[in-house]
Protein backbone atom coordinates (compact mmCIF):
# COMPACT_ATOMS: atom_id res chain seq x y z
CA UNK A 1 0.00 0.00 0.00
CA UNK A 2 2.73 2.43 0.94
CA UNK A 3 4.64 1.61 -2.26
CA UNK A 4 1.61 2.44 -4.40
CA UNK A 5 1.11 5.69 -2.51
CA UNK A 6 4.76 6.66 -3.01
CA UNK A 7 4.56 5.91 -6.73
CA UNK A 8 1.37 7.97 -7.06
CA UNK A 9 2.79 10.88 -5.08
CA UNK A 10 5.97 10.80 -7.17
CA UNK A 11 3.93 10.77 -10.37
CA UNK A 12 1.92 13.78 -9.21
CA UNK A 13 5.11 15.62 -8.24
CA UNK A 14 6.64 14.93 -11.67
CA UNK A 15 3.44 16.22 -13.32
CA UNK A 16 3.69 19.42 -11.28
CA UNK A 17 7.27 19.89 -12.47
CA UNK A 18 6.24 19.21 -16.07
CA UNK A 19 3.44 21.79 -15.89
CA UNK A 20 5.79 24.39 -14.42
CA UNK A 21 8.42 23.64 -17.08
CA UNK A 22 5.78 23.89 -19.81
CA UNK A 23 4.60 27.26 -18.51
CA UNK A 24 8.14 28.64 -18.35
CA UNK A 25 9.07 27.30 -21.79
CA UNK A 26 5.93 28.82 -23.28
CA UNK A 27 7.48 32.25 -22.70
CA UNK A 28 10.47 31.36 -24.87
CA UNK A 29 8.81 28.98 -27.35
CA UNK A 30 5.14 30.01 -27.61
CA UNK A 31 4.50 27.82 -30.66
CA UNK A 32 5.96 24.71 -28.98
CA UNK A 33 8.39 24.10 -31.84
CA UNK A 34 11.25 22.86 -29.69
CA UNK A 35 11.32 19.10 -29.06
CA UNK A 36 11.28 19.51 -25.27
CA UNK A 37 8.29 21.83 -25.53
CA UNK A 38 6.45 19.29 -27.69
CA UNK A 39 7.13 16.52 -25.18
CA UNK A 40 5.91 18.64 -22.27
CA UNK A 41 2.75 19.57 -24.18
CA UNK A 42 2.03 15.91 -24.95
CA UNK A 43 2.56 14.90 -21.32
CA UNK A 44 0.61 17.72 -19.68
CA UNK A 45 -2.19 18.35 -22.20
CA UNK A 46 -4.44 15.55 -20.87
CA UNK A 47 -4.52 17.40 -17.53
CA UNK A 48 -4.63 20.99 -18.77
CA UNK A 49 -7.07 20.64 -21.71
CA UNK A 50 -10.17 19.72 -19.64
CA UNK A 51 -9.47 22.60 -17.26
CA UNK A 52 -9.04 24.99 -20.19
CA UNK A 53 -12.42 23.92 -21.61
CA UNK A 54 -14.19 24.71 -18.32
CA UNK A 55 -12.45 27.98 -17.47
CA UNK A 56 -13.64 31.25 -18.98
CA UNK A 57 -11.36 33.07 -21.41
CA UNK A 58 -9.12 35.71 -19.85
CA UNK A 59 -7.44 37.16 -22.91
CA UNK A 60 -3.78 36.31 -23.47
CA UNK A 61 -3.15 34.75 -20.05
CA UNK A 62 -3.91 31.06 -19.66
CA UNK A 63 -4.65 30.25 -16.02
CA UNK A 64 -5.32 26.55 -16.63
CA UNK A 65 -1.75 25.46 -15.69
CA UNK A 66 -2.10 27.32 -12.39
CA UNK A 67 -5.43 25.63 -11.71
CA UNK A 68 -3.93 22.25 -12.64
CA UNK A 69 -1.06 22.83 -10.20
CA UNK A 70 -3.51 23.73 -7.47
CA UNK A 71 -5.67 20.65 -8.12
CA UNK A 72 -2.65 18.34 -8.13
CA UNK A 73 -1.42 19.90 -4.89
CA UNK A 74 -4.82 19.39 -3.26
CA UNK A 75 -4.95 15.78 -4.50
CA UNK A 76 -1.53 15.12 -2.98
CA UNK A 77 -2.68 16.60 0.34
CA UNK A 78 -5.85 14.50 0.35
CA UNK A 79 -3.87 11.34 -0.39
CA UNK A 80 -1.43 12.04 2.42
CA UNK A 81 -4.22 12.87 4.88
CA UNK A 82 -6.17 9.76 3.95
CA UNK A 83 -3.22 7.46 4.61
CA UNK A 84 -1.50 9.13 7.54
PDB file of N, CA and C in Angstrom:
ATOM      1  N   UNK A   1       0.823  -1.200   0.000  1.00  0.00           N
ATOM      2  CA  UNK A   1       0.000   0.000   0.000  1.00  0.00           C
ATOM      3  C   UNK A   1       0.863   1.259   0.000  1.00  0.00           C
ATOM      4  N   UNK A   2       1.876   1.251   0.853  1.00  0.00           N
ATOM      5  CA  UNK A   2       2.734   2.426   0.943  1.00  0.00           C
ATOM      6  C   UNK A   2       3.530   2.626  -0.347  1.00  0.00           C
ATOM      7  N   UNK A   3       3.914   1.516  -0.987  1.00  0.00           N
ATOM      8  CA  UNK A   3       4.644   1.609  -2.256  1.00  0.00           C
ATOM      9  C   UNK A   3       3.780   2.272  -3.328  1.00  0.00           C
ATOM     10  N   UNK A   4       2.527   1.866  -3.408  1.00  0.00           N
ATOM     11  CA  UNK A   4       1.610   2.436  -4.398  1.00  0.00           C
ATOM     12  C   UNK A   4       1.412   3.928  -4.129  1.00  0.00           C
ATOM     13  N   UNK A   5       1.268   4.283  -2.872  1.00  0.00           N
ATOM     14  CA  UNK A   5       1.113   5.695  -2.511  1.00  0.00           C
ATOM     15  C   UNK A   5       2.342   6.494  -2.914  1.00  0.00           C
ATOM     16  N   UNK A   6       3.527   5.960  -2.645  1.00  0.00           N
ATOM     17  CA  UNK A   6       4.758   6.664  -3.010  1.00  0.00           C
ATOM     18  C   UNK A   6       4.888   6.834  -4.518  1.00  0.00           C
ATOM     19  N   UNK A   7       4.514   5.805  -5.275  1.00  0.00           N
ATOM     20  CA  UNK A   7       4.564   5.911  -6.733  1.00  0.00           C
ATOM     21  C   UNK A   7       3.582   6.974  -7.214  1.00  0.00           C
ATOM     22  N   UNK A   8       2.381   6.984  -6.671  1.00  0.00           N
ATOM     23  CA  UNK A   8       1.374   7.966  -7.064  1.00  0.00           C
ATOM     24  C   UNK A   8       1.802   9.387  -6.695  1.00  0.00           C
ATOM     25  N   UNK A   9       2.322   9.558  -5.509  1.00  0.00           N
ATOM     26  CA  UNK A   9       2.792  10.885  -5.081  1.00  0.00           C
ATOM     27  C   UNK A   9       3.956  11.359  -5.945  1.00  0.00           C
ATOM     28  N   UNK A  10       4.849  10.444  -6.297  1.00  0.00           N
ATOM     29  CA  UNK A  10       5.974  10.800  -7.165  1.00  0.00           C
ATOM     30  C   UNK A  10       5.477  11.194  -8.554  1.00  0.00           C
ATOM     31  N   UNK A  11       4.509  10.441  -9.075  1.00  0.00           N
ATOM     32  CA  UNK A  11       3.935  10.775 -10.375  1.00  0.00           C
ATOM     33  C   UNK A  11       3.302  12.170 -10.352  1.00  0.00           C
ATOM     34  N   UNK A  12       2.551  12.467  -9.316  1.00  0.00           N
ATOM     35  CA  UNK A  12       1.920  13.784  -9.209  1.00  0.00           C
ATOM     36  C   UNK A  12       2.953  14.895  -9.092  1.00  0.00           C
ATOM     37  N   UNK A  13       4.040  14.632  -8.375  1.00  0.00           N
ATOM     38  CA  UNK A  13       5.115  15.621  -8.236  1.00  0.00           C
ATOM     39  C   UNK A  13       5.787  15.868  -9.588  1.00  0.00           C
ATOM     40  N   UNK A  14       6.028  14.800 -10.344  1.00  0.00           N
ATOM     41  CA  UNK A  14       6.636  14.934 -11.670  1.00  0.00           C
ATOM     42  C   UNK A  14       5.698  15.711 -12.596  1.00  0.00           C
ATOM     43  N   UNK A  15       4.403  15.474 -12.497  1.00  0.00           N
ATOM     44  CA  UNK A  15       3.444  16.220 -13.319  1.00  0.00           C
ATOM     45  C   UNK A  15       3.458  17.700 -12.964  1.00  0.00           C
ATOM     46  N   UNK A  16       3.582  18.013 -11.677  1.00  0.00           N
ATOM     47  CA  UNK A  16       3.689  19.416 -11.279  1.00  0.00           C
ATOM     48  C   UNK A  16       4.923  20.057 -11.906  1.00  0.00           C
ATOM     49  N   UNK A  17       6.038  19.357 -11.861  1.00  0.00           N
ATOM     50  CA  UNK A  17       7.268  19.889 -12.466  1.00  0.00           C
ATOM     51  C   UNK A  17       7.103  20.068 -13.972  1.00  0.00           C
ATOM     52  N   UNK A  18       6.445  19.120 -14.626  1.00  0.00           N
ATOM     53  CA  UNK A  18       6.242  19.210 -16.069  1.00  0.00           C
ATOM     54  C   UNK A  18       5.347  20.396 -16.431  1.00  0.00           C
ATOM     55  N   UNK A  19       4.324  20.650 -15.628  1.00  0.00           N
ATOM     56  CA  UNK A  19       3.443  21.790 -15.891  1.00  0.00           C
ATOM     57  C   UNK A  19       4.192  23.100 -15.689  1.00  0.00           C
ATOM     58  N   UNK A  20       5.001  23.182 -14.657  1.00  0.00           N
ATOM     59  CA  UNK A  20       5.794  24.388 -14.418  1.00  0.00           C
ATOM     60  C   UNK A  20       6.781  24.596 -15.559  1.00  0.00           C
ATOM     61  N   UNK A  21       7.453  23.528 -15.982  1.00  0.00           N
ATOM     62  CA  UNK A  21       8.416  23.635 -17.084  1.00  0.00           C
ATOM     63  C   UNK A  21       7.715  24.059 -18.374  1.00  0.00           C
ATOM     64  N   UNK A  22       6.535  23.514 -18.607  1.00  0.00           N
ATOM     65  CA  UNK A  22       5.777  23.892 -19.808  1.00  0.00           C
ATOM     66  C   UNK A  22       5.415  25.369 -19.778  1.00  0.00           C
ATOM     67  N   UNK A  23       4.982  25.848 -18.620  1.00  0.00           N
ATOM     68  CA  UNK A  23       4.604  27.258 -18.509  1.00  0.00           C
ATOM     69  C   UNK A  23       5.815  28.168 -18.738  1.00  0.00           C
ATOM     70  N   UNK A  24       6.938  27.815 -18.171  1.00  0.00           N
ATOM     71  CA  UNK A  24       8.141  28.641 -18.346  1.00  0.00           C
ATOM     72  C   UNK A  24       8.611  28.600 -19.797  1.00  0.00           C
ATOM     73  N   UNK A  25       8.636  27.409 -20.403  1.00  0.00           N
ATOM     74  CA  UNK A  25       9.074  27.298 -21.791  1.00  0.00           C
ATOM     75  C   UNK A  25       8.134  28.011 -22.752  1.00  0.00           C
ATOM     76  N   UNK A  26       6.875  28.148 -22.386  1.00  0.00           N
ATOM     77  CA  UNK A  26       5.932  28.822 -23.281  1.00  0.00           C
ATOM     78  C   UNK A  26       6.281  30.300 -23.453  1.00  0.00           C
ATOM     79  N   UNK A  27       7.033  30.869 -22.543  1.00  0.00           N
ATOM     80  CA  UNK A  27       7.477  32.253 -22.698  1.00  0.00           C
ATOM     81  C   UNK A  27       8.537  32.363 -23.783  1.00  0.00           C
ATOM     82  N   UNK A  28       9.365  31.336 -23.925  1.00  0.00           N
ATOM     83  CA  UNK A  28      10.472  31.365 -24.872  1.00  0.00           C
ATOM     84  C   UNK A  28      10.131  30.685 -26.196  1.00  0.00           C
ATOM     85  N   UNK A  29       9.212  29.743 -26.164  1.00  0.00           N
ATOM     86  CA  UNK A  29       8.806  28.982 -27.352  1.00  0.00           C
ATOM     87  C   UNK A  29       7.281  28.894 -27.384  1.00  0.00           C
ATOM     88  N   UNK A  30       6.609  30.002 -27.686  1.00  0.00           N
ATOM     89  CA  UNK A  30       5.145  30.010 -27.610  1.00  0.00           C
ATOM     90  C   UNK A  30       4.469  29.052 -28.588  1.00  0.00           C
ATOM     91  N   UNK A  31       5.104  28.728 -29.686  1.00  0.00           N
ATOM     92  CA  UNK A  31       4.502  27.821 -30.663  1.00  0.00           C
ATOM     93  C   UNK A  31       4.814  26.362 -30.400  1.00  0.00           C
ATOM     94  N   UNK A  32       5.554  26.074 -29.352  1.00  0.00           N
ATOM     95  CA  UNK A  32       5.959  24.710 -28.982  1.00  0.00           C
ATOM     96  C   UNK A  32       6.643  24.004 -30.143  1.00  0.00           C
ATOM     97  N   UNK A  33       7.648  24.678 -30.727  1.00  0.00           N
ATOM     98  CA  UNK A  33       8.389  24.096 -31.841  1.00  0.00           C
ATOM     99  C   UNK A  33       9.597  23.301 -31.378  1.00  0.00           C
ATOM    100  N   UNK A  34      10.103  23.600 -30.195  1.00  0.00           N
ATOM    101  CA  UNK A  34      11.255  22.861 -29.689  1.00  0.00           C
ATOM    102  C   UNK A  34      10.823  21.464 -29.278  1.00  0.00           C
ATOM    103  N   UNK A  35      11.689  20.475 -29.433  1.00  0.00           N
ATOM    104  CA  UNK A  35      11.319  19.097 -29.062  1.00  0.00           C
ATOM    105  C   UNK A  35      10.926  18.959 -27.589  1.00  0.00           C
ATOM    106  N   UNK A  36      11.623  19.613 -26.692  1.00  0.00           N
ATOM    107  CA  UNK A  36      11.281  19.508 -25.266  1.00  0.00           C
ATOM    108  C   UNK A  36       9.919  20.129 -25.001  1.00  0.00           C
ATOM    109  N   UNK A  37       9.610  21.204 -25.690  1.00  0.00           N
ATOM    110  CA  UNK A  37       8.291  21.826 -25.534  1.00  0.00           C
ATOM    111  C   UNK A  37       7.196  20.895 -26.029  1.00  0.00           C
ATOM    112  N   UNK A  38       7.435  20.220 -27.145  1.00  0.00           N
ATOM    113  CA  UNK A  38       6.452  19.293 -27.689  1.00  0.00           C
ATOM    114  C   UNK A  38       6.204  18.126 -26.746  1.00  0.00           C
ATOM    115  N   UNK A  39       7.276  17.619 -26.136  1.00  0.00           N
ATOM    116  CA  UNK A  39       7.131  16.517 -25.178  1.00  0.00           C
ATOM    117  C   UNK A  39       6.321  16.965 -23.968  1.00  0.00           C
ATOM    118  N   UNK A  40       6.639  18.139 -23.441  1.00  0.00           N
ATOM    119  CA  UNK A  40       5.914  18.643 -22.274  1.00  0.00           C
ATOM    120  C   UNK A  40       4.439  18.888 -22.593  1.00  0.00           C
ATOM    121  N   UNK A  41       4.154  19.365 -23.793  1.00  0.00           N
ATOM    122  CA  UNK A  41       2.753  19.574 -24.182  1.00  0.00           C
ATOM    123  C   UNK A  41       2.033  18.231 -24.253  1.00  0.00           C
ATOM    124  N   UNK A  42       2.665  17.226 -24.841  1.00  0.00           N
ATOM    125  CA  UNK A  42       2.034  15.908 -24.947  1.00  0.00           C
ATOM    126  C   UNK A  42       1.777  15.290 -23.578  1.00  0.00           C
ATOM    127  N   UNK A  43       2.694  15.505 -22.655  1.00  0.00           N
ATOM    128  CA  UNK A  43       2.560  14.903 -21.318  1.00  0.00           C
ATOM    129  C   UNK A  43       1.510  15.626 -20.482  1.00  0.00           C
ATOM    130  N   UNK A  44       1.469  16.934 -20.569  1.00  0.00           N
ATOM    131  CA  UNK A  44       0.606  17.715 -19.678  1.00  0.00           C
ATOM    132  C   UNK A  44      -0.759  18.062 -20.273  1.00  0.00           C
ATOM    133  N   UNK A  45      -0.920  17.954 -21.571  1.00  0.00           N
ATOM    134  CA  UNK A  45      -2.185  18.351 -22.201  1.00  0.00           C
ATOM    135  C   UNK A  45      -3.391  17.556 -21.695  1.00  0.00           C
ATOM    136  N   UNK A  46      -3.267  16.258 -21.405  1.00  0.00           N
ATOM    137  CA  UNK A  46      -4.441  15.546 -20.867  1.00  0.00           C
ATOM    138  C   UNK A  46      -4.947  16.105 -19.533  1.00  0.00           C
ATOM    139  N   UNK A  47      -4.099  16.790 -18.800  1.00  0.00           N
ATOM    140  CA  UNK A  47      -4.519  17.399 -17.535  1.00  0.00           C
ATOM    141  C   UNK A  47      -5.012  18.824 -17.755  1.00  0.00           C
ATOM    142  N   UNK A  48      -4.324  19.568 -18.596  1.00  0.00           N
ATOM    143  CA  UNK A  48      -4.626  20.991 -18.770  1.00  0.00           C
ATOM    144  C   UNK A  48      -5.826  21.223 -19.689  1.00  0.00           C
ATOM    145  N   UNK A  49      -5.991  20.411 -20.731  1.00  0.00           N
ATOM    146  CA  UNK A  49      -7.067  20.638 -21.710  1.00  0.00           C
ATOM    147  C   UNK A  49      -8.466  20.632 -21.094  1.00  0.00           C
ATOM    148  N   UNK A  50      -8.813  19.666 -20.230  1.00  0.00           N
ATOM    149  CA  UNK A  50     -10.169  19.715 -19.641  1.00  0.00           C
ATOM    150  C   UNK A  50     -10.390  20.951 -18.772  1.00  0.00           C
ATOM    151  N   UNK A  51      -9.350  21.391 -18.087  1.00  0.00           N
ATOM    152  CA  UNK A  51      -9.470  22.596 -17.259  1.00  0.00           C
ATOM    153  C   UNK A  51      -9.663  23.810 -18.155  1.00  0.00           C
ATOM    154  N   UNK A  52      -8.939  23.861 -19.255  1.00  0.00           N
ATOM    155  CA  UNK A  52      -9.041  24.986 -20.190  1.00  0.00           C
ATOM    156  C   UNK A  52     -10.444  25.072 -20.797  1.00  0.00           C
ATOM    157  N   UNK A  53     -11.067  23.918 -21.038  1.00  0.00           N
ATOM    158  CA  UNK A  53     -12.423  23.919 -21.611  1.00  0.00           C
ATOM    159  C   UNK A  53     -13.453  24.470 -20.634  1.00  0.00           C
ATOM    160  N   UNK A  54     -13.226  24.283 -19.341  1.00  0.00           N
ATOM    161  CA  UNK A  54     -14.189  24.710 -18.324  1.00  0.00           C
ATOM    162  C   UNK A  54     -13.991  26.171 -17.932  1.00  0.00           C
ATOM    163  N   UNK A  55     -12.743  26.617 -17.927  1.00  0.00           N
ATOM    164  CA  UNK A  55     -12.448  27.981 -17.466  1.00  0.00           C
ATOM    165  C   UNK A  55     -12.858  29.018 -18.503  1.00  0.00           C
ATOM    166  N   UNK A  56     -13.304  30.175 -18.034  1.00  0.00           N
ATOM    167  CA  UNK A  56     -13.636  31.252 -18.981  1.00  0.00           C
ATOM    168  C   UNK A  56     -12.363  31.857 -19.580  1.00  0.00           C
ATOM    169  N   UNK A  57     -12.481  32.424 -20.734  1.00  0.00           N
ATOM    170  CA  UNK A  57     -11.355  33.068 -21.413  1.00  0.00           C
ATOM    171  C   UNK A  57     -10.938  34.325 -20.653  1.00  0.00           C
ATOM    172  N   UNK A  58      -9.629  34.525 -20.554  1.00  0.00           N
ATOM    173  CA  UNK A  58      -9.115  35.705 -19.849  1.00  0.00           C
ATOM    174  C   UNK A  58      -8.169  36.508 -20.728  1.00  0.00           C
ATOM    175  N   UNK A  59      -8.317  36.426 -22.016  1.00  0.00           N
ATOM    176  CA  UNK A  59      -7.436  37.162 -22.906  1.00  0.00           C
ATOM    177  C   UNK A  59      -6.200  36.342 -23.239  1.00  0.00           C
ATOM    178  N   UNK A  60      -5.025  36.962 -23.085  1.00  0.00           N
ATOM    179  CA  UNK A  60      -3.781  36.308 -23.467  1.00  0.00           C
ATOM    180  C   UNK A  60      -3.201  35.413 -22.375  1.00  0.00           C
ATOM    181  N   UNK A  61      -3.704  35.523 -21.168  1.00  0.00           N
ATOM    182  CA  UNK A  61      -3.153  34.753 -20.052  1.00  0.00           C
ATOM    183  C   UNK A  61      -3.967  33.483 -19.857  1.00  0.00           C
ATOM    184  N   UNK A  62      -3.269  32.351 -19.855  1.00  0.00           N
ATOM    185  CA  UNK A  62      -3.909  31.056 -19.658  1.00  0.00           C
ATOM    186  C   UNK A  62      -3.681  30.625 -18.212  1.00  0.00           C
ATOM    187  N   UNK A  63      -4.752  30.613 -17.433  1.00  0.00           N
ATOM    188  CA  UNK A  63      -4.647  30.247 -16.020  1.00  0.00           C
ATOM    189  C   UNK A  63      -4.824  28.754 -15.775  1.00  0.00           C
ATOM    190  N   UNK A  64      -5.074  27.979 -16.819  1.00  0.00           N
ATOM    191  CA  UNK A  64      -5.316  26.546 -16.627  1.00  0.00           C
ATOM    192  C   UNK A  64      -4.108  25.808 -16.039  1.00  0.00           C
ATOM    193  N   UNK A  65      -2.854  26.145 -16.379  1.00  0.00           N
ATOM    194  CA  UNK A  65      -1.746  25.465 -15.686  1.00  0.00           C
ATOM    195  C   UNK A  65      -1.724  25.754 -14.185  1.00  0.00           C
ATOM    196  N   UNK A  66      -2.056  26.967 -13.813  1.00  0.00           N
ATOM    197  CA  UNK A  66      -2.097  27.320 -12.394  1.00  0.00           C
ATOM    198  C   UNK A  66      -3.187  26.533 -11.671  1.00  0.00           C
ATOM    199  N   UNK A  67      -4.345  26.406 -12.292  1.00  0.00           N
ATOM    200  CA  UNK A  67      -5.433  25.632 -11.706  1.00  0.00           C
ATOM    201  C   UNK A  67      -5.043  24.157 -11.616  1.00  0.00           C
ATOM    202  N   UNK A  68      -4.382  23.642 -12.656  1.00  0.00           N
ATOM    203  CA  UNK A  68      -3.926  22.247 -12.638  1.00  0.00           C
ATOM    204  C   UNK A  68      -2.937  22.017 -11.499  1.00  0.00           C
ATOM    205  N   UNK A  69      -2.014  22.946 -11.308  1.00  0.00           N
ATOM    206  CA  UNK A  69      -1.058  22.826 -10.195  1.00  0.00           C
ATOM    207  C   UNK A  69      -1.778  22.816  -8.854  1.00  0.00           C
ATOM    208  N   UNK A  70      -2.747  23.676  -8.713  1.00  0.00           N
ATOM    209  CA  UNK A  70      -3.514  23.731  -7.465  1.00  0.00           C
ATOM    210  C   UNK A  70      -4.279  22.434  -7.226  1.00  0.00           C
ATOM    211  N   UNK A  71      -4.909  21.906  -8.261  1.00  0.00           N
ATOM    212  CA  UNK A  71      -5.668  20.655  -8.118  1.00  0.00           C
ATOM    213  C   UNK A  71      -4.752  19.473  -7.791  1.00  0.00           C
ATOM    214  N   UNK A  72      -3.600  19.420  -8.426  1.00  0.00           N
ATOM    215  CA  UNK A  72      -2.653  18.335  -8.130  1.00  0.00           C
ATOM    216  C   UNK A  72      -2.150  18.459  -6.700  1.00  0.00           C
ATOM    217  N   UNK A  73      -1.868  19.675  -6.271  1.00  0.00           N
ATOM    218  CA  UNK A  73      -1.420  19.895  -4.893  1.00  0.00           C
ATOM    219  C   UNK A  73      -2.488  19.435  -3.897  1.00  0.00           C
ATOM    220  N   UNK A  74      -3.734  19.797  -4.156  1.00  0.00           N
ATOM    221  CA  UNK A  74      -4.819  19.390  -3.265  1.00  0.00           C
ATOM    222  C   UNK A  74      -5.000  17.871  -3.266  1.00  0.00           C
ATOM    223  N   UNK A  75      -4.862  17.244  -4.418  1.00  0.00           N
ATOM    224  CA  UNK A  75      -4.951  15.783  -4.500  1.00  0.00           C
ATOM    225  C   UNK A  75      -3.844  15.123  -3.690  1.00  0.00           C
ATOM    226  N   UNK A  76      -2.642  15.660  -3.772  1.00  0.00           N
ATOM    227  CA  UNK A  76      -1.532  15.115  -2.977  1.00  0.00           C
ATOM    228  C   UNK A  76      -1.810  15.255  -1.482  1.00  0.00           C
ATOM    229  N   UNK A  77      -2.342  16.403  -1.077  1.00  0.00           N
ATOM    230  CA  UNK A  77      -2.675  16.603   0.336  1.00  0.00           C
ATOM    231  C   UNK A  77      -3.761  15.629   0.793  1.00  0.00           C
ATOM    232  N   UNK A  78      -4.772  15.431  -0.025  1.00  0.00           N
ATOM    233  CA  UNK A  78      -5.847  14.503   0.349  1.00  0.00           C
ATOM    234  C   UNK A  78      -5.329  13.074   0.447  1.00  0.00           C
ATOM    235  N   UNK A  79      -4.446  12.673  -0.456  1.00  0.00           N
ATOM    236  CA  UNK A  79      -3.875  11.337  -0.394  1.00  0.00           C
ATOM    237  C   UNK A  79      -3.050  11.149   0.887  1.00  0.00           C
ATOM    238  N   UNK A  80      -2.251  12.144   1.202  1.00  0.00           N
ATOM    239  CA  UNK A  80      -1.429  12.043   2.416  1.00  0.00           C
ATOM    240  C   UNK A  80      -2.293  12.015   3.661  1.00  0.00           C
ATOM    241  N   UNK A  81      -3.338  12.838   3.713  1.00  0.00           N
ATOM    242  CA  UNK A  81      -4.216  12.871   4.880  1.00  0.00           C
ATOM    243  C   UNK A  81      -5.033  11.596   5.014  1.00  0.00           C
ATOM    244  N   UNK A  82      -5.383  10.969   3.903  1.00  0.00           N
ATOM    245  CA  UNK A  82      -6.174   9.755   3.955  1.00  0.00           C
ATOM    246  C   UNK A  82      -5.356   8.573   4.482  1.00  0.00           C
ATOM    247  N   UNK A  83      -4.067   8.584   4.208  1.00  0.00           N
ATOM    248  CA  UNK A  83      -3.221   7.458   4.611  1.00  0.00           C
ATOM    249  C   UNK A  83      -2.613   7.668   6.001  1.00  0.00           C
ATOM    250  N   UNK A  84      -2.206   8.889   6.284  1.00  0.00           N
ATOM    251  CA  UNK A  84      -1.498   9.130   7.543  1.00  0.00           C
ATOM    252  C   UNK A  84      -2.390   9.787   8.533  1.00  0.00           C
TER     253      UNK A  84
END
